[in-house]
Amino acid sequence: MLPLSPPPRLSSLARQRWVPHAAALGVLTLRGGVLFFHRVAARGWWARHEGRAGQHAQLMLNTGRWGMPRLYWGESDYQKPPLYYWMVAGLAELRGGIVDAWAIRLPAACAALAGVWVVYALGAVMWRPATGFVAALILATNLRYSWLARVGRIDMPLALAVLIVLGAFWMAYRSIEGAVHSKRTALWMLVAYLAAALAVMLKGPVGLVLPLLAAWLFLFLERQAVWPWQTGFWRLARRLGLGWGILLVLAIAGPWFVWATVVTDGEFFRMFVGRHNLDRALAVEGLRPGPFWYYIPQLFIDMFPWGILIPGAVIASLRAGALRRAPWLGNPAAAGDAAHASGATRAVDRSGPAGAAEAAARRVATSATRFALAWTA
């Protein structure tokens, strides 16, 4: 009779710690590869965001002027910083200098796949590999995330940058909680500040404000000193490298914003900060406001087909105490969504159900981890 036990070499390999991680990442990569990359260049550039990205990138290549994004008729475009357009132009340069659908959409698809990897890693570190795998799988297969991964716009790179900021911040806080300041804390905060600088170059101030709100709320719920006049605030700020971190973000992202303001005689600052940031937040000049409950039904739509499980998963997580063991996922990760929801405008004029799409990816990642906790805790 044949032995039922596996060969000793196979059993030894299965006991290696890296094997379940490699298997999980392999499955997630294959799944994400099909969802995010298969025939991604088959459809036309009917989305206005893709048309703008294509024009900006092609003109950068044609003229050699990579500073200010411009449209074909020569008008400067002050809506977004240029990092996404630089990525598109760089990919097009590697493929012969012609901007096509692949060049426009590949940064979004790659960022989406990387976001799935990061969610798996965070889930595996915070709880166990099974939790990370379920959370990452739900993230990769929900409606909104898988769709935005196939659209050439900044939302997926921005969502990845914000996710890295929050994940690195949590790892840094974990290393100093109940211990002295360490090199590991500084290293994780360096990762967080670098990702924050990239987020600013993708979206502007929002790329920094959203993760800062989430981190602040997390520290508040952790009963840390979050106001400068509280005892312990400056000590915690030093441990998290707040001073050098802000200087690093300014050193990386600041020069382009200063340059753009100078060469346009202040027009860039007035349009970008005033029109495209403050006016949208305050719902002025005809921008349509949305109701305060706008994101509640949108969450169910964005999370399809997993949205139907949200109530049961949250209840099960609360009963198991899973959310209390992970307060930064149960509460502060939604701080960015609260900032959008508390603003005067909801992006009801955007293409697709979630107006603030960069918040949608983070929101579904948070819900995905809640589902995983309910099923594997």
Protein backbone atom coordinates (compact mmCIF):
# COMPACT_ATOMS: atom_id res chain seq x y z
CA MET A 1 0.00 0.00 0.00
CA LEU A 2 1.30 3.48 -0.91
CA PRO A 3 2.26 5.72 2.03
CA LEU A 4 -0.16 8.53 2.74
CA SER A 5 2.43 10.92 4.16
CA PRO A 6 4.24 13.27 1.77
CA PRO A 7 7.94 12.78 1.01
CA PRO A 8 10.28 14.12 3.72
CA ARG A 9 11.75 16.75 1.37
CA LEU A 10 8.27 18.07 0.54
CA SER A 11 7.30 18.13 4.21
CA SER A 12 10.47 20.04 5.07
CA LEU A 13 9.76 22.57 2.32
CA ALA A 14 6.17 23.05 3.48
CA ARG A 15 7.41 23.94 6.96
CA GLN A 16 9.49 26.83 5.65
CA ARG A 17 8.03 30.18 6.74
CA TRP A 18 8.32 31.75 3.30
CA VAL A 19 6.33 29.03 1.50
CA PRO A 20 2.77 30.13 2.49
CA HIS A 21 3.68 33.75 1.73
CA ALA A 22 5.07 32.83 -1.68
CA ALA A 23 2.02 30.71 -2.46
CA ALA A 24 -0.41 33.45 -1.39
CA LEU A 25 1.41 36.15 -3.33
CA GLY A 26 1.58 33.89 -6.36
CA VAL A 27 -2.18 33.31 -6.34
CA LEU A 28 -2.89 37.02 -5.75
CA THR A 29 -0.50 38.02 -8.55
CA LEU A 30 -2.13 35.64 -11.02
CA ARG A 31 -5.60 36.81 -10.05
CA GLY A 32 -4.63 40.46 -10.15
CA GLY A 33 -2.78 40.00 -13.41
CA VAL A 34 -5.93 38.75 -15.10
CA LEU A 35 -8.20 41.38 -13.56
CA PHE A 36 -5.91 44.37 -13.99
CA PHE A 37 -3.82 43.66 -17.11
CA HIS A 38 -5.77 41.35 -19.45
CA ARG A 39 -6.79 43.33 -22.57
CA VAL A 40 -6.26 46.55 -20.62
CA ALA A 41 -5.36 48.38 -23.84
CA ALA A 42 -8.26 46.98 -25.88
CA ARG A 43 -10.75 49.80 -25.41
CA GLY A 44 -10.42 53.39 -26.61
CA TRP A 45 -9.48 56.46 -24.60
CA TRP A 46 -13.01 57.55 -23.91
CA ALA A 47 -12.33 58.72 -20.34
CA ARG A 48 -11.39 62.40 -20.17
CA HIS A 49 -8.71 61.68 -17.55
CA GLU A 50 -6.99 59.33 -19.99
CA GLY A 51 -7.21 61.88 -22.78
CA ARG A 52 -5.56 64.50 -20.63
CA ALA A 53 -2.85 62.11 -19.47
CA GLY A 54 -2.13 61.13 -23.06
CA GLN A 55 -1.90 64.73 -24.26
CA HIS A 56 0.34 65.81 -21.40
CA ALA A 57 2.71 62.88 -21.79
CA GLN A 58 2.96 63.10 -25.58
CA LEU A 59 3.67 66.84 -25.50
CA MET A 60 6.38 66.26 -22.91
CA LEU A 61 8.04 63.80 -25.26
CA ASN A 62 7.55 65.96 -28.36
CA THR A 63 8.76 69.22 -26.88
CA GLY A 64 11.17 68.03 -24.19
CA ARG A 65 9.39 70.27 -21.65
CA TRP A 66 8.49 68.09 -18.70
CA GLY A 67 7.68 70.83 -16.22
CA MET A 68 4.13 72.12 -16.71
CA PRO A 69 1.44 69.78 -18.10
CA ARG A 70 -0.05 71.23 -21.29
CA LEU A 71 -2.88 70.34 -23.65
CA TYR A 72 -2.45 70.09 -27.43
CA TRP A 73 -3.72 73.60 -28.08
CA GLY A 74 -1.04 75.01 -25.78
CA GLU A 75 -3.11 75.69 -22.67
CA SER A 76 -1.47 74.86 -19.35
CA ASP A 77 -3.37 72.39 -17.19
CA TYR A 78 -3.38 73.27 -13.49
CA GLN A 79 -5.61 70.46 -12.23
CA LYS A 80 -2.94 68.00 -11.05
CA PRO A 81 0.79 67.86 -10.36
CA PRO A 82 2.75 66.04 -13.09
CA LEU A 83 3.96 62.80 -11.48
CA TYR A 84 1.43 60.54 -13.20
CA TYR A 85 2.10 62.20 -16.53
CA TRP A 86 5.82 61.70 -16.00
CA MET A 87 5.22 57.97 -15.46
CA VAL A 88 3.16 57.74 -18.65
CA ALA A 89 5.76 59.66 -20.66
CA GLY A 90 8.59 57.54 -19.23
CA LEU A 91 6.85 54.30 -20.21
CA ALA A 92 6.08 55.67 -23.67
CA GLU A 93 9.73 56.69 -24.10
CA LEU A 94 10.80 53.13 -23.34
CA ARG A 95 8.36 51.85 -25.99
CA GLY A 96 9.39 54.09 -28.85
CA GLY A 97 8.14 57.51 -27.79
CA ILE A 98 4.49 57.00 -28.73
CA VAL A 99 1.88 57.35 -26.01
CA ASP A 100 -0.69 54.59 -26.31
CA ALA A 101 -3.25 52.88 -24.08
CA TRP A 102 -0.62 50.66 -22.52
CA ALA A 103 1.51 53.60 -21.46
CA ILE A 104 -1.49 55.48 -20.06
CA ARG A 105 -2.98 52.59 -18.09
CA LEU A 106 0.04 50.57 -17.03
CA PRO A 107 0.95 52.81 -14.03
CA ALA A 108 -2.57 52.38 -12.62
CA ALA A 109 -2.58 48.61 -13.15
CA CYS A 110 0.86 48.16 -11.58
CA ALA A 111 -0.10 50.33 -8.60
CA ALA A 112 -3.28 48.30 -8.09
CA LEU A 113 -1.33 45.04 -8.03
CA ALA A 114 1.20 46.52 -5.62
CA GLY A 115 -1.68 47.65 -3.40
CA VAL A 116 -2.93 44.07 -3.22
CA TRP A 117 0.54 42.93 -2.15
CA VAL A 118 0.73 45.61 0.54
CA VAL A 119 -2.69 44.68 1.96
CA TYR A 120 -1.62 41.03 2.12
CA ALA A 121 1.62 41.97 3.88
CA LEU A 122 -0.15 44.16 6.43
CA GLY A 123 -2.76 41.51 7.15
CA ALA A 124 -0.10 38.82 7.53
CA VAL A 125 1.95 40.97 9.93
CA MET A 126 -1.01 42.20 11.98
CA TRP A 127 -2.75 38.84 12.26
CA ARG A 128 -1.77 35.88 10.09
CA PRO A 129 -1.24 35.02 6.40
CA ALA A 130 -4.79 33.69 5.97
CA THR A 131 -6.20 37.05 7.09
CA GLY A 132 -3.95 38.95 4.72
CA PHE A 133 -4.83 36.64 1.84
CA VAL A 134 -8.59 37.01 2.29
CA ALA A 135 -8.31 40.79 2.68
CA ALA A 136 -6.12 41.13 -0.43
CA LEU A 137 -8.38 38.83 -2.46
CA ILE A 138 -11.47 40.83 -1.56
CA LEU A 139 -9.67 44.05 -2.41
CA ALA A 140 -8.55 42.76 -5.81
CA THR A 141 -11.96 41.40 -6.80
CA ASN A 142 -14.34 44.17 -5.74
CA LEU A 143 -15.99 46.28 -8.41
CA ARG A 144 -14.47 49.70 -7.81
CA TYR A 145 -10.88 48.68 -7.23
CA SER A 146 -10.69 46.28 -10.17
CA TRP A 147 -12.25 48.90 -12.46
CA LEU A 148 -10.00 51.79 -11.42
CA ALA A 149 -7.01 49.51 -11.92
CA ARG A 150 -7.84 49.51 -15.65
CA VAL A 151 -8.28 53.29 -16.04
CA GLY A 152 -5.39 55.64 -16.73
CA ARG A 153 -5.79 58.14 -13.90
CA ILE A 154 -3.99 58.96 -10.68
CA ASP A 155 -6.34 57.16 -8.29
CA MET A 156 -4.53 53.83 -8.06
CA PRO A 157 -1.01 55.28 -7.60
CA LEU A 158 -2.44 57.71 -5.05
CA ALA A 159 -4.27 54.94 -3.19
CA LEU A 160 -1.04 52.92 -3.12
CA ALA A 161 0.96 55.89 -1.80
CA VAL A 162 -1.58 56.59 0.98
CA LEU A 163 -1.72 52.89 1.86
CA ILE A 164 2.08 52.76 2.16
CA VAL A 165 2.07 55.91 4.32
CA LEU A 166 -0.45 54.42 6.75
CA GLY A 167 1.13 50.98 6.75
CA ALA A 168 4.64 52.32 7.36
CA PHE A 169 3.31 54.64 10.06
CA TRP A 170 1.67 51.70 11.83
CA MET A 171 4.87 49.66 11.64
CA ALA A 172 6.84 52.60 13.06
CA TYR A 173 4.36 53.12 15.89
CA ARG A 174 4.43 49.43 16.63
CA SER A 175 8.21 49.56 17.02
CA ILE A 176 8.12 52.42 19.57
CA GLU A 177 5.04 51.35 21.52
CA GLY A 178 6.30 50.66 25.02
CA ALA A 179 9.93 50.86 23.87
CA VAL A 180 12.64 53.39 23.16
CA HIS A 181 13.20 55.11 19.85
CA SER A 182 14.96 52.79 17.41
CA LYS A 183 16.50 52.79 13.97
CA ARG A 184 13.61 50.63 12.80
CA THR A 185 11.15 53.37 13.71
CA ALA A 186 13.15 55.92 11.73
CA LEU A 187 13.36 53.58 8.74
CA TRP A 188 9.60 52.99 8.64
CA MET A 189 8.89 56.69 9.01
CA LEU A 190 11.33 57.39 6.17
CA VAL A 191 9.24 55.08 3.99
CA ALA A 192 6.07 56.88 5.13
CA TYR A 193 7.43 60.36 4.38
CA LEU A 194 8.77 59.32 0.97
CA ALA A 195 5.38 57.86 0.06
CA ALA A 196 3.69 61.05 1.32
CA ALA A 197 5.93 63.14 -0.95
CA LEU A 198 4.91 61.01 -3.94
CA ALA A 199 1.25 61.37 -2.95
CA VAL A 200 1.67 65.16 -2.97
CA MET A 201 3.24 65.01 -6.42
CA LEU A 202 0.26 62.97 -7.59
CA LYS A 203 -2.62 64.93 -6.07
CA GLY A 204 -1.30 67.95 -4.21
CA PRO A 205 -2.11 68.79 -0.56
CA VAL A 206 -4.78 66.08 -0.37
CA GLY A 207 -2.07 63.45 -0.69
CA LEU A 208 -0.61 64.66 2.60
CA VAL A 209 -3.75 65.73 4.45
CA LEU A 210 -5.58 62.40 4.19
CA PRO A 211 -2.87 60.19 5.77
CA LEU A 212 -2.13 62.88 8.37
CA LEU A 213 -5.80 62.89 9.42
CA ALA A 214 -5.79 59.11 9.68
CA ALA A 215 -2.57 59.06 11.71
CA TRP A 216 -3.80 61.84 14.00
CA LEU A 217 -7.10 60.07 14.67
CA PHE A 218 -5.29 56.81 15.35
CA LEU A 219 -3.04 58.49 17.92
CA PHE A 220 -6.06 60.19 19.45
CA LEU A 221 -7.84 56.86 19.86
CA GLU A 222 -4.66 55.41 21.30
CA ARG A 223 -4.83 58.19 23.92
CA GLN A 224 -1.55 59.67 22.84
CA ALA A 225 -0.71 63.36 23.12
CA VAL A 226 -1.98 64.80 19.82
CA TRP A 227 -1.97 68.53 20.71
CA PRO A 228 1.24 70.57 21.08
CA TRP A 229 0.27 71.74 24.57
CA GLN A 230 -0.16 68.19 25.88
CA THR A 231 2.61 66.53 27.85
CA GLY A 232 4.46 64.05 25.69
CA PHE A 233 3.49 65.54 22.32
CA TRP A 234 6.97 66.72 21.35
CA ARG A 235 8.56 63.52 22.57
CA LEU A 236 6.23 61.47 20.36
CA ALA A 237 6.81 63.89 17.46
CA ARG A 238 10.57 63.37 17.77
CA ARG A 239 10.15 59.59 17.85
CA LEU A 240 8.09 59.71 14.67
CA GLY A 241 10.51 62.12 13.00
CA LEU A 242 7.85 64.75 12.42
CA GLY A 243 10.35 67.58 11.99
CA TRP A 244 12.73 65.99 9.50
CA GLY A 245 9.85 64.18 7.83
CA ILE A 246 7.99 67.39 6.95
CA LEU A 247 11.24 68.91 5.70
CA LEU A 248 11.83 65.80 3.55
CA VAL A 249 8.36 66.03 1.99
CA LEU A 250 8.88 69.74 1.28
CA ALA A 251 12.33 69.10 -0.17
CA ILE A 252 10.97 66.50 -2.60
CA ALA A 253 7.62 67.97 -3.59
CA GLY A 254 8.10 71.64 -2.82
CA PRO A 255 10.48 72.69 -5.63
CA TRP A 256 8.05 71.83 -8.41
CA PHE A 257 5.18 73.73 -6.78
CA VAL A 258 7.38 76.77 -6.23
CA TRP A 259 8.64 76.61 -9.82
CA ALA A 260 5.11 76.25 -11.22
CA THR A 261 3.91 79.22 -9.20
CA VAL A 262 6.83 81.41 -10.29
CA VAL A 263 6.73 80.65 -14.02
CA THR A 264 2.96 81.27 -14.16
CA ASP A 265 3.10 84.51 -12.15
CA GLY A 266 1.00 82.96 -9.42
CA GLU A 267 -1.74 81.66 -11.74
CA PHE A 268 -0.95 78.03 -10.92
CA PHE A 269 -1.30 78.67 -7.18
CA ARG A 270 -4.59 80.54 -7.63
CA MET A 271 -6.09 77.86 -9.87
CA PHE A 272 -4.70 74.72 -8.27
CA VAL A 273 -5.01 75.64 -4.60
CA GLY A 274 -8.00 77.96 -4.93
CA ARG A 275 -10.17 76.45 -7.64
CA HIS A 276 -9.26 72.75 -7.63
CA ASN A 277 -8.79 72.32 -3.87
CA LEU A 278 -10.49 74.95 -1.72
CA ASP A 279 -13.44 75.60 -4.03
CA ARG A 280 -14.15 71.89 -4.37
CA ALA A 281 -14.00 71.42 -0.62
CA LEU A 282 -16.28 74.41 0.05
CA ALA A 283 -18.71 73.81 -2.84
CA VAL A 284 -18.40 77.22 -4.44
CA GLU A 285 -18.66 78.39 -8.05
CA GLY A 286 -21.31 75.90 -9.09
CA LEU A 287 -19.74 72.71 -7.77
CA ARG A 288 -22.62 70.51 -6.72
CA PRO A 289 -22.84 69.43 -3.07
CA GLY A 290 -23.87 65.97 -2.02
CA PRO A 291 -25.67 64.71 1.08
CA PHE A 292 -23.71 63.87 4.23
CA TRP A 293 -24.61 60.18 3.83
CA TYR A 294 -23.26 60.01 0.28
CA TYR A 295 -20.57 57.39 0.96
CA ILE A 296 -22.77 54.95 2.87
CA PRO A 297 -24.58 53.47 -0.16
CA GLN A 298 -21.48 54.02 -2.29
CA LEU A 299 -19.52 51.66 -0.06
CA PHE A 300 -21.95 48.84 -0.86
CA ILE A 301 -21.72 49.60 -4.58
CA ASP A 302 -17.95 49.94 -4.61
CA MET A 303 -17.50 46.66 -2.70
CA PHE A 304 -19.69 44.58 -5.05
CA PRO A 305 -19.98 41.58 -4.82
CA TRP A 306 -18.69 41.74 -1.25
CA GLY A 307 -20.82 44.69 -0.12
CA ILE A 308 -23.69 42.48 0.94
CA LEU A 309 -21.43 40.98 3.61
CA ILE A 310 -20.52 44.30 5.24
CA PRO A 311 -23.16 44.32 8.03
CA GLY A 312 -22.55 40.72 9.05
CA ALA A 313 -18.77 41.09 8.90
CA VAL A 314 -18.77 44.21 11.08
CA ILE A 315 -21.09 42.59 13.64
CA ALA A 316 -18.99 39.42 13.73
CA SER A 317 -15.79 41.47 14.10
CA LEU A 318 -17.25 43.46 16.99
CA ARG A 319 -18.39 40.31 18.76
CA ALA A 320 -14.96 38.73 18.31
CA GLY A 321 -13.22 41.90 19.45
CA ALA A 322 -11.25 41.93 16.20
CA LEU A 323 -11.74 45.63 15.54
CA ARG A 324 -10.67 46.52 19.06
CA ARG A 325 -7.43 44.65 18.45
CA ALA A 326 -6.82 46.74 15.34
CA PRO A 327 -8.12 50.24 16.07
CA TRP A 328 -6.21 51.87 13.23
CA LEU A 329 -8.12 49.73 10.71
CA GLY A 330 -11.42 49.96 12.54
CA ASN A 331 -11.34 53.74 12.92
CA PRO A 332 -8.45 55.97 11.73
CA ALA A 333 -8.22 54.42 8.26
CA ALA A 334 -11.60 55.97 7.66
CA ALA A 335 -10.35 59.45 8.56
CA GLY A 336 -9.62 60.27 4.96
CA ASP A 337 -13.13 59.21 4.01
CA ALA A 338 -14.48 61.38 6.81
CA ALA A 339 -12.60 64.33 5.37
CA HIS A 340 -14.29 63.79 2.03
CA ALA A 341 -17.66 63.15 3.62
CA SER A 342 -17.46 66.24 5.81
CA GLY A 343 -16.55 68.45 2.87
CA ALA A 344 -19.23 70.45 1.18
CA THR A 345 -18.94 68.63 -2.13
CA ARG A 346 -19.31 65.03 -3.13
CA ALA A 347 -17.87 64.24 -6.52
CA VAL A 348 -21.23 63.35 -8.02
CA ASP A 349 -20.00 64.80 -11.29
CA ARG A 350 -17.18 62.29 -11.58
CA SER A 351 -17.31 59.20 -13.79
CA GLY A 352 -18.27 56.26 -11.60
CA PRO A 353 -19.94 55.84 -8.23
CA ALA A 354 -17.28 57.10 -5.82
CA GLY A 355 -16.36 60.69 -6.30
CA ALA A 356 -13.17 60.59 -4.26
CA ALA A 357 -11.75 57.50 -5.91
CA GLU A 358 -8.49 57.64 -4.04
CA ALA A 359 -10.50 57.25 -0.82
CA ALA A 360 -12.52 54.41 -2.35
CA ALA A 361 -9.50 52.16 -2.70
CA ARG A 362 -8.49 52.75 0.90
CA ARG A 363 -12.08 52.30 2.05
CA VAL A 364 -12.45 48.93 0.36
CA ALA A 365 -9.07 47.86 1.72
CA THR A 366 -10.29 48.66 5.23
CA SER A 367 -13.54 46.77 4.71
CA ALA A 368 -11.67 43.86 3.16
CA THR A 369 -9.59 43.48 6.30
CA ARG A 370 -12.73 43.63 8.42
CA PHE A 371 -14.21 40.78 6.37
CA ALA A 372 -11.02 38.78 6.73
CA LEU A 373 -11.06 39.30 10.50
CA ALA A 374 -14.64 38.09 10.71
CA TRP A 375 -13.88 34.96 8.73
CA THR A 376 -10.48 33.99 10.09
CA ALA A 377 -10.35 35.41 13.64
